[in-house]
C-alpha atoms as a PDB file:
ATOM      1  CA  MET A   1     112.269 108.704 120.152  1.00  0.00           C
ATOM      2  CA  VAL A   2     115.229 109.654 122.348  1.00  0.00           C
ATOM      3  CA  LYS A   3     117.492 112.116 120.533  1.00  0.00           C
ATOM      4  CA  ALA A   4     120.055 112.690 123.302  1.00  0.00           C
ATOM      5  CA  VAL A   5     121.200 110.954 126.479  1.00  0.00           C
ATOM      6  CA  ILE A   6     122.455 112.875 129.517  1.00  0.00           C
ATOM      7  CA  PHE A   7     124.238 111.243 132.445  1.00  0.00           C
ATOM      8  CA  ASP A   8     125.048 112.456 135.898  1.00  0.00           C
ATOM      9  CA  LEU A   9     128.515 111.084 136.694  1.00  0.00           C
ATOM     10  CA  ASP A  10     129.051 110.166 140.363  1.00  0.00           C
ATOM     11  CA  ASN A  11     126.929 107.184 141.415  1.00  0.00           C
ATOM     12  CA  THR A  12     125.211 107.173 138.035  1.00  0.00           C
ATOM     13  CA  LEU A  13     127.367 106.545 134.961  1.00  0.00           C
ATOM     14  CA  LEU A  14     130.470 106.030 137.097  1.00  0.00           C
ATOM     15  CA  ARG A  15     130.845 103.097 139.433  1.00  0.00           C
ATOM     16  CA  PRO A  16     131.241 103.725 143.192  1.00  0.00           C
ATOM     17  CA  ASP A  17     135.043 103.762 142.777  1.00  0.00           C
ATOM     18  CA  LYS A  18     134.630 106.635 140.240  1.00  0.00           C
ATOM     19  CA  SER A  19     135.628 104.457 137.283  1.00  0.00           C
ATOM     20  CA  LEU A  20     133.917 104.154 133.910  1.00  0.00           C
ATOM     21  CA  SER A  21     133.763 100.462 133.063  1.00  0.00           C
ATOM     22  CA  GLU A  22     134.774  99.062 129.716  1.00  0.00           C
ATOM     23  CA  TYR A  23     131.204  97.886 129.266  1.00  0.00           C
ATOM     24  CA  SER A  24     129.871 101.438 129.716  1.00  0.00           C
ATOM     25  CA  ARG A  25     132.547 102.824 127.387  1.00  0.00           C
ATOM     26  CA  GLY A  26     131.413 100.334 124.785  1.00  0.00           C
ATOM     27  CA  VAL A  27     127.773 101.416 125.083  1.00  0.00           C
ATOM     28  CA  LEU A  28     128.792 105.073 124.715  1.00  0.00           C
ATOM     29  CA  ALA A  29     130.803 104.165 121.616  1.00  0.00           C
ATOM     30  CA  ARG A  30     127.738 102.498 120.108  1.00  0.00           C
ATOM     31  CA  CYS A  31     125.710 105.645 120.807  1.00  0.00           C
ATOM     32  CA  ARG A  32     128.280 107.717 118.915  1.00  0.00           C
ATOM     33  CA  GLU A  33     128.250 105.237 116.012  1.00  0.00           C
ATOM     34  CA  ARG A  34     124.487 105.708 115.737  1.00  0.00           C
ATOM     35  CA  GLY A  35     124.727 109.508 115.894  1.00  0.00           C
ATOM     36  CA  LEU A  36     123.090 109.748 119.328  1.00  0.00           C
ATOM     37  CA  PRO A  37     124.557 112.722 121.261  1.00  0.00           C
ATOM     38  CA  ILE A  38     125.927 111.853 124.703  1.00  0.00           C
ATOM     39  CA  PHE A  39     126.175 114.541 127.393  1.00  0.00           C
ATOM     40  CA  ALA A  40     127.232 114.686 131.031  1.00  0.00           C
ATOM     41  CA  ALA A  41     125.818 116.849 133.810  1.00  0.00           C
ATOM     42  CA  SER A  42     127.827 116.926 137.007  1.00  0.00           C
ATOM     43  CA  ALA A  43     128.559 118.910 140.141  1.00  0.00           C
ATOM     44  CA  ARG A  44     132.212 118.260 139.359  1.00  0.00           C
ATOM     45  CA  PRO A  45     134.458 120.849 137.713  1.00  0.00           C
ATOM     46  CA  GLU A  46     135.711 120.235 134.218  1.00  0.00           C
ATOM     47  CA  ARG A  47     139.252 119.515 135.416  1.00  0.00           C
ATOM     48  CA  THR A  48     138.262 116.433 137.441  1.00  0.00           C
ATOM     49  CA  VAL A  49     136.279 115.039 134.510  1.00  0.00           C
ATOM     50  CA  ARG A  50     139.479 115.369 132.496  1.00  0.00           C
ATOM     51  CA  GLU A  51     141.497 113.753 135.302  1.00  0.00           C
ATOM     52  CA  PHE A  52     139.168 110.742 135.182  1.00  0.00           C
ATOM     53  CA  GLY A  53     140.057 110.343 131.498  1.00  0.00           C
ATOM     54  CA  ILE A  54     136.424 110.508 130.373  1.00  0.00           C
ATOM     55  CA  PHE A  55     136.081 114.063 129.044  1.00  0.00           C
ATOM     56  CA  GLY A  56     136.267 112.878 125.432  1.00  0.00           C
ATOM     57  CA  GLU A  57     133.343 110.498 125.933  1.00  0.00           C
ATOM     58  CA  PHE A  58     130.856 113.381 125.765  1.00  0.00           C
ATOM     59  CA  ASP A  59     129.709 115.820 123.094  1.00  0.00           C
ATOM     60  CA  ALA A  60     129.232 118.543 125.735  1.00  0.00           C
ATOM     61  CA  LEU A  61     129.067 118.857 129.515  1.00  0.00           C
ATOM     62  CA  VAL A  62     127.223 120.693 132.258  1.00  0.00           C
ATOM     63  CA  THR A  63     129.779 121.138 135.039  1.00  0.00           C
ATOM     64  CA  LEU A  64     129.653 122.655 138.521  1.00  0.00           C
ATOM     65  CA  ASN A  65     125.863 122.201 138.622  1.00  0.00           C
ATOM     66  CA  GLY A  66     125.396 124.492 135.620  1.00  0.00           C
ATOM     67  CA  ALA A  67     127.870 127.211 136.600  1.00  0.00           C
ATOM     68  CA  ARG A  68     129.962 126.216 133.589  1.00  0.00           C
ATOM     69  CA  VAL A  69     128.431 124.638 130.470  1.00  0.00           C
ATOM     70  CA  VAL A  70     131.121 123.334 128.123  1.00  0.00           C
ATOM     71  CA  LEU A  71     129.993 123.279 124.484  1.00  0.00           C
ATOM     72  CA  PRO A  72     132.027 122.657 121.331  1.00  0.00           C
ATOM     73  CA  GLY A  73     133.936 125.918 120.832  1.00  0.00           C
ATOM     74  CA  GLN A  74     132.008 127.806 123.523  1.00  0.00           C
ATOM     75  CA  VAL A  75     131.659 127.958 127.305  1.00  0.00           C
ATOM     76  CA  LEU A  76     128.582 129.408 129.047  1.00  0.00           C
ATOM     77  CA  LEU A  77     129.192 130.857 132.522  1.00  0.00           C
ATOM     78  CA  ASN A  78     126.677 131.169 135.351  1.00  0.00           C
ATOM     79  CA  GLY A  79     128.928 131.985 138.287  1.00  0.00           C
ATOM     80  CA  ILE A  80     128.544 133.916 141.528  1.00  0.00           C
ATOM     81  CA  SER A  81     129.386 137.627 141.383  1.00  0.00           C
ATOM     82  CA  ASP A  82     132.427 138.795 143.341  1.00  0.00           C
ATOM     83  CA  ASN A  83     130.304 141.015 145.586  1.00  0.00           C
ATOM     84  CA  THR A  84     127.922 138.190 146.426  1.00  0.00           C
ATOM     85  CA  GLY A  85     130.784 135.782 147.002  1.00  0.00           C
ATOM     86  CA  LYS A  86     132.506 138.152 149.419  1.00  0.00           C
ATOM     87  CA  ALA A  87     129.224 138.742 151.285  1.00  0.00           C
ATOM     88  CA  ILE A  88     128.706 134.990 151.761  1.00  0.00           C
ATOM     89  CA  LEU A  89     132.308 134.354 152.741  1.00  0.00           C
ATOM     90  CA  SER A  90     132.342 137.206 155.246  1.00  0.00           C
ATOM     91  CA  ARG A  91     129.554 135.419 157.146  1.00  0.00           C
ATOM     92  CA  LEU A  92     131.053 131.955 156.868  1.00  0.00           C
ATOM     93  CA  VAL A  93     134.566 132.807 158.054  1.00  0.00           C
ATOM     94  CA  ARG A  94     133.169 134.285 161.262  1.00  0.00           C
ATOM     95  CA  VAL A  95     132.119 130.798 162.380  1.00  0.00           C
ATOM     96  CA  PRO A  96     135.070 129.205 164.244  1.00  0.00           C
ATOM     97  CA  GLY A  97     136.472 126.040 162.696  1.00  0.00           C
ATOM     98  CA  THR A  98     134.604 126.337 159.422  1.00  0.00           C
ATOM     99  CA  VAL A  99     136.316 124.806 156.401  1.00  0.00           C
ATOM    100  CA  VAL A 100     135.723 126.983 153.350  1.00  0.00           C
ATOM    101  CA  SER A 101     136.718 126.411 149.738  1.00  0.00           C
ATOM    102  CA  VAL A 102     135.896 128.117 146.460  1.00  0.00           C
ATOM    103  CA  GLU A 103     135.783 126.728 142.945  1.00  0.00           C
ATOM    104  CA  MET A 104     137.348 129.370 140.705  1.00  0.00           C
ATOM    105  CA  SER A 105     138.291 129.471 137.039  1.00  0.00           C
ATOM    106  CA  GLY A 106     141.882 128.996 138.247  1.00  0.00           C
ATOM    107  CA  GLY A 107     141.162 125.933 140.367  1.00  0.00           C
ATOM    108  CA  ILE A 108     140.015 125.217 143.903  1.00  0.00           C
ATOM    109  CA  PHE A 109     141.210 127.207 146.923  1.00  0.00           C
ATOM    110  CA  ALA A 110     140.577 126.492 150.617  1.00  0.00           C
ATOM    111  CA  ASN A 111     141.379 128.016 153.981  1.00  0.00           C
ATOM    112  CA  VAL A 112     142.982 124.737 155.136  1.00  0.00           C
ATOM    113  CA  PRO A 113     144.761 121.951 153.227  1.00  0.00           C
ATOM    114  CA  ILE A 114     142.356 119.508 151.557  1.00  0.00           C
ATOM    115  CA  PRO A 115     144.678 116.923 149.958  1.00  0.00           C
ATOM    116  CA  GLU A 116     141.915 114.834 148.376  1.00  0.00           C
ATOM    117  CA  TRP A 117     140.819 117.877 146.371  1.00  0.00           C
ATOM    118  CA  ASN A 118     144.350 119.104 145.693  1.00  0.00           C
ATOM    119  CA  ALA A 119     143.169 122.498 146.908  1.00  0.00           C
ATOM    120  CA  ALA A 120     145.552 125.450 147.063  1.00  0.00           C
ATOM    121  CA  VAL A 121     145.593 127.057 150.510  1.00  0.00           C
ATOM    122  CA  PHE A 122     144.284 130.640 150.486  1.00  0.00           C
ATOM    123  CA  ASP A 123     144.288 132.691 153.678  1.00  0.00           C
ATOM    124  CA  GLY A 124     142.653 135.836 152.319  1.00  0.00           C
ATOM    125  CA  PHE A 125     138.942 135.048 152.709  1.00  0.00           C
ATOM    126  CA  PRO A 126     136.505 136.850 152.484  1.00  0.00           C
ATOM    127  CA  ALA A 127     138.559 138.322 149.626  1.00  0.00           C
ATOM    128  CA  LEU A 128     138.715 136.068 146.574  1.00  0.00           C
ATOM    129  CA  PRO A 129     141.519 134.659 144.450  1.00  0.00           C
ATOM    130  CA  GLU A 130     141.607 136.039 140.921  1.00  0.00           C
ATOM    131  CA  GLY A 131     139.184 134.614 138.410  1.00  0.00           C
ATOM    132  CA  GLU A 132     135.549 133.657 137.961  1.00  0.00           C
ATOM    133  CA  LEU A 133     133.790 132.318 141.070  1.00  0.00           C
ATOM    134  CA  TYR A 134     131.660 129.254 140.335  1.00  0.00           C
ATOM    135  CA  LYS A 135     130.873 127.679 143.696  1.00  0.00           C
ATOM    136  CA  ILE A 136     131.500 128.032 147.438  1.00  0.00           C
ATOM    137  CA  LEU A 137     131.777 124.874 149.550  1.00  0.00           C
ATOM    138  CA  VAL A 138     131.704 124.746 153.335  1.00  0.00           C
ATOM    139  CA  SER A 139     131.909 122.042 155.990  1.00  0.00           C
ATOM    140  CA  ASN A 140     132.332 121.691 159.750  1.00  0.00           C
ATOM    141  CA  ILE A 141     129.466 124.134 160.187  1.00  0.00           C
ATOM    142  CA  ASP A 142     125.860 124.004 161.371  1.00  0.00           C
ATOM    143  CA  GLU A 143     123.205 124.332 158.686  1.00  0.00           C
ATOM    144  CA  THR A 144     121.614 127.286 160.462  1.00  0.00           C
ATOM    145  CA  ASP A 145     124.827 129.250 159.842  1.00  0.00           C
ATOM    146  CA  VAL A 146     124.712 128.184 156.204  1.00  0.00           C
ATOM    147  CA  GLN A 147     121.123 129.380 155.864  1.00  0.00           C
ATOM    148  CA  ALA A 148     122.092 132.745 157.358  1.00  0.00           C
ATOM    149  CA  ALA A 149     124.756 133.218 154.679  1.00  0.00           C
ATOM    150  CA  VAL A 150     122.532 132.636 151.633  1.00  0.00           C
ATOM    151  CA  THR A 151     121.819 135.725 149.517  1.00  0.00           C
ATOM    152  CA  GLU A 152     118.866 136.510 147.245  1.00  0.00           C
ATOM    153  CA  ASP A 153     120.829 135.550 144.148  1.00  0.00           C
ATOM    154  CA  THR A 154     122.229 132.254 145.483  1.00  0.00           C
ATOM    155  CA  TYR A 155     120.994 128.939 146.861  1.00  0.00           C
ATOM    156  CA  TYR A 156     122.651 126.068 148.691  1.00  0.00           C
ATOM    157  CA  THR A 157     122.388 122.298 148.745  1.00  0.00           C
ATOM    158  CA  ALA A 158     123.768 119.624 151.047  1.00  0.00           C
ATOM    159  CA  VAL A 159     126.023 116.954 149.554  1.00  0.00           C
ATOM    160  CA  GLU A 160     127.875 113.883 150.810  1.00  0.00           C
ATOM    161  CA  GLY A 161     125.158 113.089 153.306  1.00  0.00           C
ATOM    162  CA  GLY A 162     124.992 116.633 154.625  1.00  0.00           C
ATOM    163  CA  ARG A 163     128.707 116.798 155.414  1.00  0.00           C
ATOM    164  CA  ILE A 164     129.315 119.556 152.861  1.00  0.00           C
ATOM    165  CA  PHE A 165     127.154 122.490 151.803  1.00  0.00           C
ATOM    166  CA  GLN A 166     127.579 124.184 148.437  1.00  0.00           C
ATOM    167  CA  PHE A 167     126.494 127.678 147.426  1.00  0.00           C
ATOM    168  CA  MET A 168     125.716 128.475 143.791  1.00  0.00           C
ATOM    169  CA  SER A 169     124.120 131.172 141.707  1.00  0.00           C
ATOM    170  CA  ARG A 170     120.375 130.816 141.246  1.00  0.00           C
ATOM    171  CA  ASN A 171     121.150 130.709 137.519  1.00  0.00           C
ATOM    172  CA  ALA A 172     123.343 127.634 138.054  1.00  0.00           C
ATOM    173  CA  THR A 173     121.293 124.475 138.432  1.00  0.00           C
ATOM    174  CA  LYS A 174     121.652 121.230 136.549  1.00  0.00           C
ATOM    175  CA  TRP A 175     118.253 121.780 134.961  1.00  0.00           C
ATOM    176  CA  ASP A 176     119.223 125.273 133.767  1.00  0.00           C
ATOM    177  CA  GLY A 177     122.489 123.891 132.430  1.00  0.00           C
ATOM    178  CA  VAL A 178     120.797 120.979 130.692  1.00  0.00           C
ATOM    179  CA  ARG A 179     118.326 123.332 128.999  1.00  0.00           C
ATOM    180  CA  GLU A 180     121.167 125.574 127.818  1.00  0.00           C
ATOM    181  CA  LEU A 181     123.140 122.602 126.543  1.00  0.00           C
ATOM    182  CA  LEU A 182     120.227 121.013 124.694  1.00  0.00           C
ATOM    183  CA  GLY A 183     119.224 124.390 123.252  1.00  0.00           C
ATOM    184  CA  ALA A 184     122.698 124.797 121.781  1.00  0.00           C
ATOM    185  CA  PHE A 185     122.216 121.482 119.962  1.00  0.00           C
ATOM    186  CA  GLY A 186     118.641 122.252 118.900  1.00  0.00           C
ATOM    187  CA  ILE A 187     117.215 119.388 120.980  1.00  0.00           C
ATOM    188  CA  ASP A 188     113.943 119.678 122.882  1.00  0.00           C
ATOM    189  CA  PRO A 189     114.221 118.433 126.499  1.00  0.00           C
ATOM    190  CA  GLN A 190     111.220 116.216 125.811  1.00  0.00           C
ATOM    191  CA  ASP A 191     113.400 114.316 123.348  1.00  0.00           C
ATOM    192  CA  ALA A 192     116.174 113.698 125.894  1.00  0.00           C
ATOM    193  CA  ALA A 193     116.771 110.953 128.460  1.00  0.00           C
ATOM    194  CA  TYR A 194     118.390 111.950 131.749  1.00  0.00           C
ATOM    195  CA  PHE A 195     119.984 109.587 134.298  1.00  0.00           C
ATOM    196  CA  GLY A 196     120.608 110.689 137.899  1.00  0.00           C
ATOM    197  CA  ASP A 197     120.650 109.748 141.559  1.00  0.00           C
ATOM    198  CA  ASP A 198     120.769 112.781 143.873  1.00  0.00           C
ATOM    199  CA  TRP A 199     119.088 116.076 144.808  1.00  0.00           C
ATOM    200  CA  ASP A 200     120.796 118.049 142.039  1.00  0.00           C
ATOM    201  CA  ASP A 201     119.304 115.659 139.477  1.00  0.00           C
ATOM    202  CA  MET A 202     115.691 116.238 140.518  1.00  0.00           C
ATOM    203  CA  GLY A 203     114.946 118.903 137.889  1.00  0.00           C
ATOM    204  CA  PRO A 204     116.292 117.136 134.800  1.00  0.00           C
ATOM    205  CA  VAL A 205     114.913 113.746 135.883  1.00  0.00           C
ATOM    206  CA  LYS A 206     111.489 115.320 136.314  1.00  0.00           C
ATOM    207  CA  TYR A 207     111.411 117.558 133.242  1.00  0.00           C
ATOM    208  CA  CYS A 208     113.288 115.652 130.530  1.00  0.00           C
ATOM    209  CA  GLY A 209     111.177 113.436 128.302  1.00  0.00           C
ATOM    210  CA  LEU A 210     112.570 110.279 129.893  1.00  0.00           C
ATOM    211  CA  GLY A 211     113.740 110.640 133.494  1.00  0.00           C
ATOM    212  CA  VAL A 212     115.681 107.649 134.787  1.00  0.00           C
ATOM    213  CA  ALA A 213     116.608 107.168 138.443  1.00  0.00           C
ATOM    214  CA  MET A 214     119.336 104.768 139.449  1.00  0.00           C
ATOM    215  CA  ALA A 215     118.555 101.868 141.784  1.00  0.00           C
ATOM    216  CA  ASN A 216     120.912 103.585 144.249  1.00  0.00           C
ATOM    217  CA  ALA A 217     119.159 106.968 143.891  1.00  0.00           C
ATOM    218  CA  ILE A 218     117.612 108.774 146.831  1.00  0.00           C
ATOM    219  CA  PRO A 219     113.851 108.141 147.215  1.00  0.00           C
ATOM    220  CA  GLU A 220     112.983 111.681 146.117  1.00  0.00           C
ATOM    221  CA  VAL A 221     114.606 111.156 142.701  1.00  0.00           C
ATOM    222  CA  LYS A 222     112.896 107.798 142.245  1.00  0.00           C
ATOM    223  CA  ALA A 223     109.574 109.458 143.070  1.00  0.00           C
ATOM    224  CA  VAL A 224     109.800 111.874 140.108  1.00  0.00           C
ATOM    225  CA  ALA A 225     111.429 109.452 137.641  1.00  0.00           C
ATOM    226  CA  ASP A 226     109.647 107.685 134.813  1.00  0.00           C
ATOM    227  CA  VAL A 227     111.623 104.501 135.416  1.00  0.00           C
ATOM    228  CA  VAL A 228     114.341 103.071 137.657  1.00  0.00           C
ATOM    229  CA  ALA A 229     117.509 101.565 136.146  1.00  0.00           C
ATOM    230  CA  GLY A 230     119.974  99.203 137.774  1.00  0.00           C
ATOM    231  CA  HIS A 231     122.597 100.068 140.365  1.00  0.00           C
ATOM    232  CA  CYS A 232     125.604 102.147 139.329  1.00  0.00           C
ATOM    233  CA  ALA A 233     127.911  99.384 140.610  1.00  0.00           C
ATOM    234  CA  GLU A 234     126.386  97.124 137.947  1.00  0.00           C
ATOM    235  CA  ASP A 235     126.557  99.670 135.085  1.00  0.00           C
ATOM    236  CA  GLY A 236     122.807 100.191 135.375  1.00  0.00           C
ATOM    237  CA  ALA A 237     122.722 103.378 133.289  1.00  0.00           C
ATOM    238  CA  ALA A 238     124.622 101.906 130.341  1.00  0.00           C
ATOM    239  CA  ARG A 239     122.621  98.669 130.490  1.00  0.00           C
ATOM    240  CA  PHE A 240     119.390 100.646 130.366  1.00  0.00           C
ATOM    241  CA  VAL A 241     120.611 102.550 127.301  1.00  0.00           C
ATOM    242  CA  GLU A 242     121.653  99.341 125.550  1.00  0.00           C
ATOM    243  CA  GLU A 243     118.381  97.556 126.293  1.00  0.00           C
ATOM    244  CA  ASN A 244     115.887 100.396 125.850  1.00  0.00           C
ATOM    245  CA  ILE A 245     117.374 103.186 123.721  1.00  0.00           C
ATOM    246  CA  LEU A 246     119.846 101.716 121.231  1.00  0.00           C
END
């Protein structure tokens, strides 16, 4: 029996336009009525989940790929150390034309304006703005330069079709965050259902008791999933919950 449901957000629970449909909201409400915990696990920071107006839909969240796990009354941090962050940034900023940004506890900062992210411009890299460092993002750079900047205590993934690379602590993965979150609620991962579509979702889709890939998921996620749900544009995740879990 499924005792908790965990959703990735972009291209999973959310539609392609980043909205949460009224149908999906209704399914989540029915889950709450039945006492079924609902969680989110996203690469997004907490602030953008709040901006979408959906933060209150979840009992707890894994944000920033596990760098920040938001529990009731407690936040678990798995960020990048300042020394490691400066070492990575010192290599990245040497590459001409590279766009660098950092997710910090105080918001997002970049070396050039990025209006769609509402990033504050910071011209001090490889030094860091004040606060906890969660993630480093870089674009307009060759992947070989990205590989050269990785340290022993970090890893990187490609997102948005390889347009952006993100560096994170090796302690910050969605699977690590999901395990921490479920542990805080006393739920075994084998009793949880996880819905996802992309590389970062591979671990939880594979290791949770019920791993569900979206119809729009990459082939690698579908290959490790127990089942494939409908497309995110058609509220496939919520429809699967309504038809198979509730």
